[in-house]
Amino acid sequence: METEATPRFNGPDILPHEAANDHEVSHDGLKFWQYMVAGSAAGLIEHTAMFPVDTLKTRMQAQYPPCRRRFGLRETLRSVLRAQGVFGLYRGINAMGLGAGPAHAVYFSVYEFSKKVLSRGNPNNPIAHAASGVAATIISDAVFTPMDTVKQRLQLAKSPYKGVTDCVRKVVRQEGFRPFYVSYKTTVVMNAPFTAVHFATYEAVKRGMMELSPENASDERLVVHATAGAAAGALAAVLTTPLDVVKTQLQCQGVCGCDRFSNSSILTVIRTIAKRDGNAGLMRGWKPRMLFHAPAAAICWSTYEAAKSFFQNSNDNKRTL
């Protein structure tokens, strides 16, 4: 996805590169730490705003004993509010904060660096955008996965952990360090196509919207980023839901009655879920997942682009002094 905040719409790919650049404001001059700060801010705001929806998704995807009836989205929301109140929707948010900030800082900075190297001067190269997104997610997932495991275990109903520190201590003492990365392979396998679809869709939708009304691009820049981000997030979320179900069940296995698996093989978990719940079990939680990622992506990209513009203006002002 093109992450430049663009006051003019990019020209179509068939235009000469010089013509396309007439309408761009390049952020390639930003410093590495500025990309990291912008990405970290975007990730924290995104996940904090949408955390209650993430809690509902985790509750729906986690496997409970067969005797317990599964709830839909509204029933899950009512059960959380009835048992724990509004605060129950935010349990585990501190673990999210500890992981999302650093992970998004790495994510966006790696993306920007990779895009610059792979695009070779062509800002409308979807292959470069997708490849850069995959590289970014592989590295950032290594940072986020341990805290994501803690977050999901805290989000479960009747979680046996008092908080982040208590969860980490008990997991290490009872299970060792393996649970913190047991889902890393699944997370990467899920997020690689998720990111490729997300970035490519974001760039395509943003470019299409800009070409519809280039004269209003500067005034509607925030709307363009938000709309393109929402479309990209929703599509990528739905397509990768089965792998997200696998990830959740691996991270929560053995907690609150959730099943344990003989190994962390993606195919083994998929077969177990399909045999137990049918193919529908692999799409469990797709509604809250889509409801999370559509607005989350809009918030994330809008925040990220706004932060980049702030740093760009700051850098420009320093140069003129």
C-alpha atoms as a PDB file:
ATOM      1  CA  MET A   1       0.000   0.000   0.000  1.00  0.00           C
ATOM      2  CA  GLU A   2       1.133   3.434  -0.794  1.00  0.00           C
ATOM      3  CA  THR A   3       1.781   5.163   2.464  1.00  0.00           C
ATOM      4  CA  GLU A   4       2.592   8.611   1.164  1.00  0.00           C
ATOM      5  CA  ALA A   5       0.084  11.237   2.242  1.00  0.00           C
ATOM      6  CA  THR A   6      -0.849  12.512  -1.193  1.00  0.00           C
ATOM      7  CA  PRO A   7      -2.355  15.942  -1.811  1.00  0.00           C
ATOM      8  CA  ARG A   8      -2.943  14.994  -5.448  1.00  0.00           C
ATOM      9  CA  PHE A   9      -4.051  11.675  -6.832  1.00  0.00           C
ATOM     10  CA  ASN A  10      -1.404   9.483  -8.328  1.00  0.00           C
ATOM     11  CA  GLY A  11      -1.500   9.150 -12.051  1.00  0.00           C
ATOM     12  CA  PRO A  12      -2.380   5.756 -13.522  1.00  0.00           C
ATOM     13  CA  ASP A  13       0.404   3.231 -13.954  1.00  0.00           C
ATOM     14  CA  ILE A  14       0.518   3.877 -17.704  1.00  0.00           C
ATOM     15  CA  LEU A  15       1.604   7.474 -17.160  1.00  0.00           C
ATOM     16  CA  PRO A  16       5.276   8.322 -17.171  1.00  0.00           C
ATOM     17  CA  HIS A  17       6.792   8.300 -13.714  1.00  0.00           C
ATOM     18  CA  GLU A  18       7.534  12.019 -13.928  1.00  0.00           C
ATOM     19  CA  ALA A  19       3.856  12.799 -14.503  1.00  0.00           C
ATOM     20  CA  ALA A  20       2.778  10.736 -11.525  1.00  0.00           C
ATOM     21  CA  ASN A  21       5.286  12.481  -9.291  1.00  0.00           C
ATOM     22  CA  ASP A  22       3.839  15.902 -10.074  1.00  0.00           C
ATOM     23  CA  HIS A  23       0.991  15.121  -7.703  1.00  0.00           C
ATOM     24  CA  GLU A  24       2.901  13.486  -4.847  1.00  0.00           C
ATOM     25  CA  VAL A  25       4.295  14.649  -1.580  1.00  0.00           C
ATOM     26  CA  SER A  26       7.125  12.232  -0.800  1.00  0.00           C
ATOM     27  CA  HIS A  27       7.793  11.117   2.742  1.00  0.00           C
ATOM     28  CA  ASP A  28      11.014   9.336   1.823  1.00  0.00           C
ATOM     29  CA  GLY A  29      12.904  12.096   3.624  1.00  0.00           C
ATOM     30  CA  LEU A  30      11.600  11.054   7.049  1.00  0.00           C
ATOM     31  CA  LYS A  31      14.043   9.621   9.525  1.00  0.00           C
ATOM     32  CA  PHE A  32      13.827   5.996  10.583  1.00  0.00           C
ATOM     33  CA  TRP A  33      12.773   6.890  14.133  1.00  0.00           C
ATOM     34  CA  GLN A  34       9.973   9.081  12.754  1.00  0.00           C
ATOM     35  CA  TYR A  35       8.512   6.138  10.859  1.00  0.00           C
ATOM     36  CA  MET A  36       8.709   4.114  14.077  1.00  0.00           C
ATOM     37  CA  VAL A  37       6.983   6.787  16.182  1.00  0.00           C
ATOM     38  CA  ALA A  38       4.237   7.247  13.573  1.00  0.00           C
ATOM     39  CA  GLY A  39       3.680   3.496  13.348  1.00  0.00           C
ATOM     40  CA  SER A  40       3.680   3.026  17.108  1.00  0.00           C
ATOM     41  CA  ALA A  41       1.099   5.786  17.600  1.00  0.00           C
ATOM     42  CA  ALA A  42      -1.083   4.332  14.841  1.00  0.00           C
ATOM     43  CA  GLY A  43      -0.964   0.842  16.350  1.00  0.00           C
ATOM     44  CA  LEU A  44      -1.758   1.934  19.896  1.00  0.00           C
ATOM     45  CA  ILE A  45      -4.703   4.120  18.854  1.00  0.00           C
ATOM     46  CA  GLU A  46      -6.053   1.448  16.523  1.00  0.00           C
ATOM     47  CA  HIS A  47      -5.957  -1.422  19.023  1.00  0.00           C
ATOM     48  CA  THR A  48      -7.149   0.649  21.981  1.00  0.00           C
ATOM     49  CA  ALA A  49     -10.169   1.950  20.096  1.00  0.00           C
ATOM     50  CA  MET A  50     -11.184  -1.502  18.847  1.00  0.00           C
ATOM     51  CA  PHE A  51     -10.168  -3.633  21.843  1.00  0.00           C
ATOM     52  CA  PRO A  52     -13.723  -4.525  22.991  1.00  0.00           C
ATOM     53  CA  VAL A  53     -14.459  -6.045  19.575  1.00  0.00           C
ATOM     54  CA  ASP A  54     -11.219  -8.023  19.781  1.00  0.00           C
ATOM     55  CA  THR A  55     -12.326  -9.407  23.138  1.00  0.00           C
ATOM     56  CA  LEU A  56     -15.606 -10.617  21.644  1.00  0.00           C
ATOM     57  CA  LYS A  57     -13.739 -12.260  18.752  1.00  0.00           C
ATOM     58  CA  THR A  58     -11.414 -14.107  21.130  1.00  0.00           C
ATOM     59  CA  ARG A  59     -14.326 -15.352  23.250  1.00  0.00           C
ATOM     60  CA  MET A  60     -16.137 -16.641  20.160  1.00  0.00           C
ATOM     61  CA  GLN A  61     -13.119 -18.364  18.639  1.00  0.00           C
ATOM     62  CA  ALA A  62     -11.774 -20.077  21.755  1.00  0.00           C
ATOM     63  CA  GLN A  63     -12.915 -23.682  22.112  1.00  0.00           C
ATOM     64  CA  TYR A  64     -14.896 -24.547  25.214  1.00  0.00           C
ATOM     65  CA  PRO A  65     -16.169 -27.925  26.411  1.00  0.00           C
ATOM     66  CA  PRO A  66     -18.736 -29.505  24.071  1.00  0.00           C
ATOM     67  CA  CYS A  67     -21.423 -29.224  26.723  1.00  0.00           C
ATOM     68  CA  ARG A  68     -21.300 -25.414  26.588  1.00  0.00           C
ATOM     69  CA  ARG A  69     -23.527 -23.793  23.976  1.00  0.00           C
ATOM     70  CA  ARG A  70     -21.703 -21.490  21.592  1.00  0.00           C
ATOM     71  CA  PHE A  71     -22.785 -17.854  21.497  1.00  0.00           C
ATOM     72  CA  GLY A  72     -23.217 -15.482  18.601  1.00  0.00           C
ATOM     73  CA  LEU A  73     -21.881 -11.936  18.601  1.00  0.00           C
ATOM     74  CA  ARG A  74     -24.753 -10.308  20.516  1.00  0.00           C
ATOM     75  CA  GLU A  75     -25.001 -13.174  22.997  1.00  0.00           C
ATOM     76  CA  THR A  76     -21.264 -13.005  23.627  1.00  0.00           C
ATOM     77  CA  LEU A  77     -21.465  -9.271  24.271  1.00  0.00           C
ATOM     78  CA  ARG A  78     -24.357  -9.742  26.706  1.00  0.00           C
ATOM     79  CA  SER A  79     -22.538 -12.537  28.556  1.00  0.00           C
ATOM     80  CA  VAL A  80     -19.417 -10.380  29.026  1.00  0.00           C
ATOM     81  CA  LEU A  81     -21.407  -7.390  30.262  1.00  0.00           C
ATOM     82  CA  ARG A  82     -23.506  -9.556  32.565  1.00  0.00           C
ATOM     83  CA  ALA A  83     -20.528 -11.333  34.129  1.00  0.00           C
ATOM     84  CA  GLN A  84     -17.873  -8.602  34.202  1.00  0.00           C
ATOM     85  CA  GLY A  85     -19.454  -5.345  33.133  1.00  0.00           C
ATOM     86  CA  VAL A  86     -17.896  -2.928  30.662  1.00  0.00           C
ATOM     87  CA  PHE A  87     -14.428  -3.467  32.138  1.00  0.00           C
ATOM     88  CA  GLY A  88     -14.606  -7.094  31.038  1.00  0.00           C
ATOM     89  CA  LEU A  89     -14.348  -5.909  27.440  1.00  0.00           C
ATOM     90  CA  TYR A  90     -10.988  -4.293  28.216  1.00  0.00           C
ATOM     91  CA  ARG A  91      -9.324  -7.097  30.172  1.00  0.00           C
ATOM     92  CA  GLY A  92      -5.865  -7.652  28.705  1.00  0.00           C
ATOM     93  CA  ILE A  93      -5.577  -4.193  27.153  1.00  0.00           C
ATOM     94  CA  ASN A  94      -2.314  -3.521  29.015  1.00  0.00           C
ATOM     95  CA  ALA A  95      -0.764  -6.598  27.381  1.00  0.00           C
ATOM     96  CA  MET A  96      -1.930  -5.264  24.035  1.00  0.00           C
ATOM     97  CA  GLY A  97      -0.270  -1.922  24.753  1.00  0.00           C
ATOM     98  CA  LEU A  98       3.031  -3.566  25.624  1.00  0.00           C
ATOM     99  CA  GLY A  99       3.032  -5.488  22.355  1.00  0.00           C
ATOM    100  CA  ALA A 100       1.218  -3.306  19.814  1.00  0.00           C
ATOM    101  CA  GLY A 101       3.335  -0.176  20.195  1.00  0.00           C
ATOM    102  CA  PRO A 102       6.745  -1.776  19.535  1.00  0.00           C
ATOM    103  CA  ALA A 103       5.310  -4.189  16.944  1.00  0.00           C
ATOM    104  CA  HIS A 104       3.723  -1.419  14.874  1.00  0.00           C
ATOM    105  CA  ALA A 105       6.855   0.684  15.132  1.00  0.00           C
ATOM    106  CA  VAL A 106       8.795  -2.201  13.609  1.00  0.00           C
ATOM    107  CA  TYR A 107       6.002  -2.970  11.148  1.00  0.00           C
ATOM    108  CA  PHE A 108       5.762   0.440   9.516  1.00  0.00           C
ATOM    109  CA  SER A 109       9.468   1.229   9.548  1.00  0.00           C
ATOM    110  CA  VAL A 110      10.303  -2.098   7.871  1.00  0.00           C
ATOM    111  CA  TYR A 111       7.477  -1.525   5.391  1.00  0.00           C
ATOM    112  CA  GLU A 112       8.753   1.919   4.421  1.00  0.00           C
ATOM    113  CA  PHE A 113      12.334   0.700   4.060  1.00  0.00           C
ATOM    114  CA  SER A 114      11.317  -2.361   2.015  1.00  0.00           C
ATOM    115  CA  LYS A 115       8.970  -0.358  -0.201  1.00  0.00           C
ATOM    116  CA  LYS A 116      11.690   2.151  -0.994  1.00  0.00           C
ATOM    117  CA  VAL A 117      14.105  -0.625  -1.963  1.00  0.00           C
ATOM    118  CA  LEU A 118      11.641  -2.789  -3.914  1.00  0.00           C
ATOM    119  CA  SER A 119       9.580  -0.135  -5.717  1.00  0.00           C
ATOM    120  CA  ARG A 120      12.655   1.271  -7.501  1.00  0.00           C
ATOM    121  CA  GLY A 121      11.107   4.670  -7.972  1.00  0.00           C
ATOM    122  CA  ASN A 122       7.650   3.465  -9.072  1.00  0.00           C
ATOM    123  CA  PRO A 123       5.112   4.521  -6.398  1.00  0.00           C
ATOM    124  CA  ASN A 124       2.323   2.440  -8.001  1.00  0.00           C
ATOM    125  CA  ASN A 125       3.985  -0.985  -7.841  1.00  0.00           C
ATOM    126  CA  PRO A 126       1.494  -3.389  -6.166  1.00  0.00           C
ATOM    127  CA  ILE A 127       4.013  -6.251  -6.048  1.00  0.00           C
ATOM    128  CA  ALA A 128       6.467  -4.072  -4.124  1.00  0.00           C
ATOM    129  CA  HIS A 129       3.690  -2.989  -1.742  1.00  0.00           C
ATOM    130  CA  ALA A 130       2.580  -6.579  -1.083  1.00  0.00           C
ATOM    131  CA  ALA A 131       6.147  -7.907  -0.670  1.00  0.00           C
ATOM    132  CA  SER A 132       7.033  -5.045   1.663  1.00  0.00           C
ATOM    133  CA  GLY A 133       3.955  -5.771   3.758  1.00  0.00           C
ATOM    134  CA  VAL A 134       4.863  -9.455   4.053  1.00  0.00           C
ATOM    135  CA  ALA A 135       8.414  -8.615   5.144  1.00  0.00           C
ATOM    136  CA  ALA A 136       7.076  -6.156   7.706  1.00  0.00           C
ATOM    137  CA  THR A 137       4.603  -8.600   9.206  1.00  0.00           C
ATOM    138  CA  ILE A 138       7.117 -11.453   9.570  1.00  0.00           C
ATOM    139  CA  ILE A 139       9.394  -9.261  11.666  1.00  0.00           C
ATOM    140  CA  SER A 140       6.699  -7.433  13.639  1.00  0.00           C
ATOM    141  CA  ASP A 141       4.878 -10.681  14.496  1.00  0.00           C
ATOM    142  CA  ALA A 142       8.009 -11.893  16.264  1.00  0.00           C
ATOM    143  CA  VAL A 143       7.661  -8.848  18.530  1.00  0.00           C
ATOM    144  CA  PHE A 144       3.894  -9.013  19.086  1.00  0.00           C
ATOM    145  CA  THR A 145       3.116 -12.751  19.351  1.00  0.00           C
ATOM    146  CA  PRO A 146       4.192 -13.265  23.018  1.00  0.00           C
ATOM    147  CA  MET A 147       2.045 -10.366  24.262  1.00  0.00           C
ATOM    148  CA  ASP A 148      -0.810 -11.412  21.972  1.00  0.00           C
ATOM    149  CA  THR A 149      -0.774 -14.802  23.688  1.00  0.00           C
ATOM    150  CA  VAL A 150      -0.947 -13.120  27.107  1.00  0.00           C
ATOM    151  CA  LYS A 151      -3.701 -10.781  25.889  1.00  0.00           C
ATOM    152  CA  GLN A 152      -5.902 -13.594  24.613  1.00  0.00           C
ATOM    153  CA  ARG A 153      -5.504 -15.677  27.747  1.00  0.00           C
ATOM    154  CA  LEU A 154      -6.587 -12.676  29.811  1.00  0.00           C
ATOM    155  CA  GLN A 155      -9.574 -12.085  27.517  1.00  0.00           C
ATOM    156  CA  LEU A 156     -11.073 -15.513  28.157  1.00  0.00           C
ATOM    157  CA  ALA A 157     -14.098 -15.922  30.386  1.00  0.00           C
ATOM    158  CA  LYS A 158     -13.050 -16.900  33.916  1.00  0.00           C
ATOM    159  CA  SER A 159      -9.380 -16.419  33.050  1.00  0.00           C
ATOM    160  CA  PRO A 160      -7.192 -17.837  35.857  1.00  0.00           C
ATOM    161  CA  TYR A 161      -4.687 -14.975  35.561  1.00  0.00           C
ATOM    162  CA  LYS A 162      -4.764 -11.774  37.610  1.00  0.00           C
ATOM    163  CA  GLY A 163      -2.892  -9.690  35.079  1.00  0.00           C
ATOM    164  CA  VAL A 164       0.008  -9.558  32.632  1.00  0.00           C
ATOM    165  CA  THR A 165       2.770 -10.288  35.143  1.00  0.00           C
ATOM    166  CA  ASP A 166       0.817 -13.092  36.792  1.00  0.00           C
ATOM    167  CA  CYS A 167       0.051 -14.643  33.396  1.00  0.00           C
ATOM    168  CA  VAL A 168       3.674 -14.546  32.264  1.00  0.00           C
ATOM    169  CA  ARG A 169       4.911 -16.045  35.533  1.00  0.00           C
ATOM    170  CA  LYS A 170       2.368 -18.888  35.589  1.00  0.00           C
ATOM    171  CA  VAL A 171       2.858 -19.756  31.925  1.00  0.00           C
ATOM    172  CA  VAL A 172       6.649 -19.880  32.311  1.00  0.00           C
ATOM    173  CA  ARG A 173       6.423 -21.897  35.530  1.00  0.00           C
ATOM    174  CA  GLN A 174       3.782 -24.354  34.315  1.00  0.00           C
ATOM    175  CA  GLU A 175       4.443 -24.599  30.570  1.00  0.00           C
ATOM    176  CA  GLY A 176       7.812 -23.009  29.871  1.00  0.00           C
ATOM    177  CA  PHE A 177       8.493 -20.416  27.173  1.00  0.00           C
ATOM    178  CA  ARG A 178       7.104 -22.437  24.252  1.00  0.00           C
ATOM    179  CA  PRO A 179       3.472 -21.196  24.587  1.00  0.00           C
ATOM    180  CA  PHE A 180       4.558 -17.632  23.849  1.00  0.00           C
ATOM    181  CA  TYR A 181       5.615 -18.624  20.343  1.00  0.00           C
ATOM    182  CA  VAL A 182       3.512 -21.730  19.714  1.00  0.00           C
ATOM    183  CA  SER A 183       1.302 -19.741  17.329  1.00  0.00           C
ATOM    184  CA  TYR A 184       4.072 -17.741  15.614  1.00  0.00           C
ATOM    185  CA  LYS A 185       4.135 -19.956  12.529  1.00  0.00           C
ATOM    186  CA  THR A 186       0.362 -19.781  12.206  1.00  0.00           C
ATOM    187  CA  THR A 187       0.423 -16.017  12.790  1.00  0.00           C
ATOM    188  CA  VAL A 188       2.957 -15.494  10.011  1.00  0.00           C
ATOM    189  CA  VAL A 189       1.101 -17.827   7.635  1.00  0.00           C
ATOM    190  CA  MET A 190      -2.075 -15.866   8.390  1.00  0.00           C
ATOM    191  CA  ASN A 191      -0.627 -12.373   8.348  1.00  0.00           C
ATOM    192  CA  ALA A 192       1.488 -12.795   5.215  1.00  0.00           C
ATOM    193  CA  PRO A 193      -1.578 -13.151   2.908  1.00  0.00           C
ATOM    194  CA  PHE A 194      -3.556 -10.793   5.168  1.00  0.00           C
ATOM    195  CA  THR A 195      -0.942  -8.091   4.739  1.00  0.00           C
ATOM    196  CA  ALA A 196      -0.478  -8.734   1.029  1.00  0.00           C
ATOM    197  CA  VAL A 197      -4.240  -8.414   0.412  1.00  0.00           C
ATOM    198  CA  HIS A 198      -4.498  -5.482   2.816  1.00  0.00           C
ATOM    199  CA  PHE A 199      -1.664  -3.422   1.348  1.00  0.00           C
ATOM    200  CA  ALA A 200      -2.514  -4.144  -2.280  1.00  0.00           C
ATOM    201  CA  THR A 201      -6.228  -3.372  -1.703  1.00  0.00           C
ATOM    202  CA  TYR A 202      -5.421  -0.207   0.224  1.00  0.00           C
ATOM    203  CA  GLU A 203      -3.224   1.131  -2.567  1.00  0.00           C
ATOM    204  CA  ALA A 204      -5.693   0.169  -5.304  1.00  0.00           C
ATOM    205  CA  VAL A 205      -8.725   1.699  -3.561  1.00  0.00           C
ATOM    206  CA  LYS A 206      -6.822   4.842  -2.594  1.00  0.00           C
ATOM    207  CA  ARG A 207      -5.500   5.335  -6.111  1.00  0.00           C
ATOM    208  CA  GLY A 208      -8.951   4.691  -7.606  1.00  0.00           C
ATOM    209  CA  MET A 209     -10.612   7.223  -5.299  1.00  0.00           C
ATOM    210  CA  MET A 210      -7.955   9.799  -6.066  1.00  0.00           C
ATOM    211  CA  GLU A 211      -8.310   9.353  -9.824  1.00  0.00           C
ATOM    212  CA  LEU A 212     -12.069   9.929  -9.537  1.00  0.00           C
ATOM    213  CA  SER A 213     -11.579  13.425  -8.140  1.00  0.00           C
ATOM    214  CA  PRO A 214      -7.969  14.630  -8.303  1.00  0.00           C
ATOM    215  CA  GLU A 215      -8.952  18.253  -7.808  1.00  0.00           C
ATOM    216  CA  ASN A 216     -10.303  17.442  -4.325  1.00  0.00           C
ATOM    217  CA  ALA A 217      -7.473  15.148  -3.291  1.00  0.00           C
ATOM    218  CA  SER A 218      -5.878  17.603  -0.898  1.00  0.00           C
ATOM    219  CA  ASP A 219      -9.146  18.398   0.898  1.00  0.00           C
ATOM    220  CA  GLU A 220     -10.294  14.771   1.123  1.00  0.00           C
ATOM    221  CA  ARG A 221      -6.970  13.138   1.926  1.00  0.00           C
ATOM    222  CA  LEU A 222      -8.071  11.865   5.366  1.00  0.00           C
ATOM    223  CA  VAL A 223     -11.317  10.466   3.956  1.00  0.00           C
ATOM    224  CA  VAL A 224      -9.402   8.670   1.210  1.00  0.00           C
ATOM    225  CA  HIS A 225      -6.978   7.020   3.632  1.00  0.00           C
ATOM    226  CA  ALA A 226      -9.782   6.024   6.008  1.00  0.00           C
ATOM    227  CA  THR A 227     -12.007   4.577   3.270  1.00  0.00           C
ATOM    228  CA  ALA A 228      -9.207   2.698   1.563  1.00  0.00           C
ATOM    229  CA  GLY A 229      -7.995   1.359   4.910  1.00  0.00           C
ATOM    230  CA  ALA A 230     -11.469   0.178   5.913  1.00  0.00           C
ATOM    231  CA  ALA A 231     -12.005  -1.642   2.613  1.00  0.00           C
ATOM    232  CA  ALA A 232      -8.600  -3.286   2.823  1.00  0.00           C
ATOM    233  CA  GLY A 233      -9.042  -4.322   6.452  1.00  0.00           C
ATOM    234  CA  ALA A 234     -12.489  -5.843   5.924  1.00  0.00           C
ATOM    235  CA  LEU A 235     -11.503  -7.915   2.880  1.00  0.00           C
ATOM    236  CA  ALA A 236      -8.254  -9.190   4.368  1.00  0.00           C
ATOM    237  CA  ALA A 237      -9.960 -10.045   7.676  1.00  0.00           C
ATOM    238  CA  VAL A 238     -12.682 -12.210   6.146  1.00  0.00           C
ATOM    239  CA  LEU A 239     -10.286 -14.116   3.876  1.00  0.00           C
ATOM    240  CA  THR A 240      -7.914 -15.053   6.711  1.00  0.00           C
ATOM    241  CA  THR A 241     -10.438 -15.862   9.475  1.00  0.00           C
ATOM    242  CA  PRO A 242      -9.809 -19.664   9.444  1.00  0.00           C
ATOM    243  CA  LEU A 243      -6.138 -19.128  10.265  1.00  0.00           C
ATOM    244  CA  ASP A 244      -7.075 -16.628  12.975  1.00  0.00           C
ATOM    245  CA  VAL A 245      -9.277 -19.290  14.581  1.00  0.00           C
ATOM    246  CA  VAL A 246      -6.309 -21.671  14.544  1.00  0.00           C
ATOM    247  CA  LYS A 247      -4.082 -19.006  16.109  1.00  0.00           C
ATOM    248  CA  THR A 248      -6.564 -18.268  18.904  1.00  0.00           C
ATOM    249  CA  GLN A 249      -7.048 -21.915  19.793  1.00  0.00           C
ATOM    250  CA  LEU A 250      -3.300 -22.573  19.851  1.00  0.00           C
ATOM    251  CA  GLN A 251      -2.681 -19.584  22.123  1.00  0.00           C
ATOM    252  CA  CYS A 252      -5.523 -20.438  24.501  1.00  0.00           C
ATOM    253  CA  GLN A 253      -5.162 -24.230  24.607  1.00  0.00           C
ATOM    254  CA  GLY A 254      -5.434 -25.719  28.058  1.00  0.00           C
ATOM    255  CA  VAL A 255      -6.885 -22.529  29.587  1.00  0.00           C
ATOM    256  CA  CYS A 256     -10.477 -22.334  30.869  1.00  0.00           C
ATOM    257  CA  GLY A 257     -11.305 -25.742  29.421  1.00  0.00           C
ATOM    258  CA  CYS A 258      -9.970 -25.055  25.925  1.00  0.00           C
ATOM    259  CA  ASP A 259      -8.722 -28.174  24.121  1.00  0.00           C
ATOM    260  CA  ARG A 260      -5.044 -29.026  23.907  1.00  0.00           C
ATOM    261  CA  PHE A 261      -3.499 -30.121  20.634  1.00  0.00           C
ATOM    262  CA  SER A 262      -0.887 -32.830  20.175  1.00  0.00           C
ATOM    263  CA  ASN A 263       1.245 -30.434  18.122  1.00  0.00           C
ATOM    264  CA  SER A 264       1.158 -26.926  16.667  1.00  0.00           C
ATOM    265  CA  SER A 265       0.711 -28.058  13.059  1.00  0.00           C
ATOM    266  CA  ILE A 266      -1.757 -25.797  11.262  1.00  0.00           C
ATOM    267  CA  LEU A 267      -3.255 -28.728   9.335  1.00  0.00           C
ATOM    268  CA  THR A 268      -3.708 -30.752  12.538  1.00  0.00           C
ATOM    269  CA  VAL A 269      -5.625 -27.938  14.214  1.00  0.00           C
ATOM    270  CA  ILE A 270      -7.712 -27.270  11.108  1.00  0.00           C
ATOM    271  CA  ARG A 271      -8.674 -30.945  10.843  1.00  0.00           C
ATOM    272  CA  THR A 272      -9.561 -31.048  14.545  1.00  0.00           C
ATOM    273  CA  ILE A 273     -11.772 -27.969  14.286  1.00  0.00           C
ATOM    274  CA  ALA A 274     -13.446 -29.159  11.081  1.00  0.00           C
ATOM    275  CA  LYS A 275     -14.109 -32.613  12.550  1.00  0.00           C
ATOM    276  CA  ARG A 276     -15.478 -31.177  15.793  1.00  0.00           C
ATOM    277  CA  ASP A 277     -17.432 -28.160  14.522  1.00  0.00           C
ATOM    278  CA  GLY A 278     -17.668 -28.625  10.765  1.00  0.00           C
ATOM    279  CA  ASN A 279     -16.357 -26.111   8.248  1.00  0.00           C
ATOM    280  CA  ALA A 280     -18.408 -23.398   9.941  1.00  0.00           C
ATOM    281  CA  GLY A 281     -16.101 -23.710  12.952  1.00  0.00           C
ATOM    282  CA  LEU A 282     -13.235 -22.342  10.868  1.00  0.00           C
ATOM    283  CA  MET A 283     -15.181 -19.129  10.224  1.00  0.00           C
ATOM    284  CA  ARG A 284     -16.163 -18.598  13.844  1.00  0.00           C
ATOM    285  CA  GLY A 285     -15.743 -14.976  14.842  1.00  0.00           C
ATOM    286  CA  TRP A 286     -15.598 -13.623  11.290  1.00  0.00           C
ATOM    287  CA  LYS A 287     -18.143 -10.904  12.081  1.00  0.00           C
ATOM    288  CA  PRO A 288     -16.271  -9.312  15.014  1.00  0.00           C
ATOM    289  CA  ARG A 289     -12.998  -9.855  13.128  1.00  0.00           C
ATOM    290  CA  MET A 290     -14.336  -7.876  10.168  1.00  0.00           C
ATOM    291  CA  LEU A 291     -15.909  -5.301  12.498  1.00  0.00           C
ATOM    292  CA  PHE A 292     -12.514  -4.951  14.148  1.00  0.00           C
ATOM    293  CA  HIS A 293     -10.276  -4.709  11.104  1.00  0.00           C
ATOM    294  CA  ALA A 294     -12.382  -2.405   8.918  1.00  0.00           C
ATOM    295  CA  PRO A 295     -12.490   0.580  11.332  1.00  0.00           C
ATOM    296  CA  ALA A 296      -9.132  -0.398  12.873  1.00  0.00           C
ATOM    297  CA  ALA A 297      -7.402  -0.147   9.502  1.00  0.00           C
ATOM    298  CA  ALA A 298      -9.124   3.168   8.811  1.00  0.00           C
ATOM    299  CA  ILE A 299      -7.960   4.516  12.188  1.00  0.00           C
ATOM    300  CA  CYS A 300      -4.466   3.079  11.805  1.00  0.00           C
ATOM    301  CA  TRP A 301      -3.782   4.414   8.307  1.00  0.00           C
ATOM    302  CA  SER A 302      -5.304   7.823   9.027  1.00  0.00           C
ATOM    303  CA  THR A 303      -3.204   8.184  12.193  1.00  0.00           C
ATOM    304  CA  TYR A 304      -0.073   6.954  10.471  1.00  0.00           C
ATOM    305  CA  GLU A 305      -0.465   9.306   7.497  1.00  0.00           C
ATOM    306  CA  ALA A 306      -1.251  12.246   9.798  1.00  0.00           C
ATOM    307  CA  ALA A 307       1.851  11.538  11.892  1.00  0.00           C
ATOM    308  CA  LYS A 308       4.000  11.299   8.783  1.00  0.00           C
ATOM    309  CA  SER A 309       2.649  14.605   7.516  1.00  0.00           C
ATOM    310  CA  PHE A 310       3.406  16.193  10.887  1.00  0.00           C
ATOM    311  CA  PHE A 311       7.002  14.992  10.793  1.00  0.00           C
ATOM    312  CA  GLN A 312       7.351  16.029   7.143  1.00  0.00           C
ATOM    313  CA  ASN A 313       6.192  19.565   7.921  1.00  0.00           C
ATOM    314  CA  SER A 314       8.460  19.685  10.958  1.00  0.00           C
ATOM    315  CA  ASN A 315      11.450  18.597   8.891  1.00  0.00           C
ATOM    316  CA  ASP A 316      10.616  21.119   6.154  1.00  0.00           C
ATOM    317  CA  ASN A 317      10.376  23.948   8.695  1.00  0.00           C
ATOM    318  CA  LYS A 318      13.768  23.061  10.148  1.00  0.00           C
ATOM    319  CA  ARG A 319      15.338  23.129   6.682  1.00  0.00           C
ATOM    320  CA  THR A 320      14.017  26.646   6.044  1.00  0.00           C
ATOM    321  CA  LEU A 321      15.433  28.045   9.275  1.00  0.00           C
END
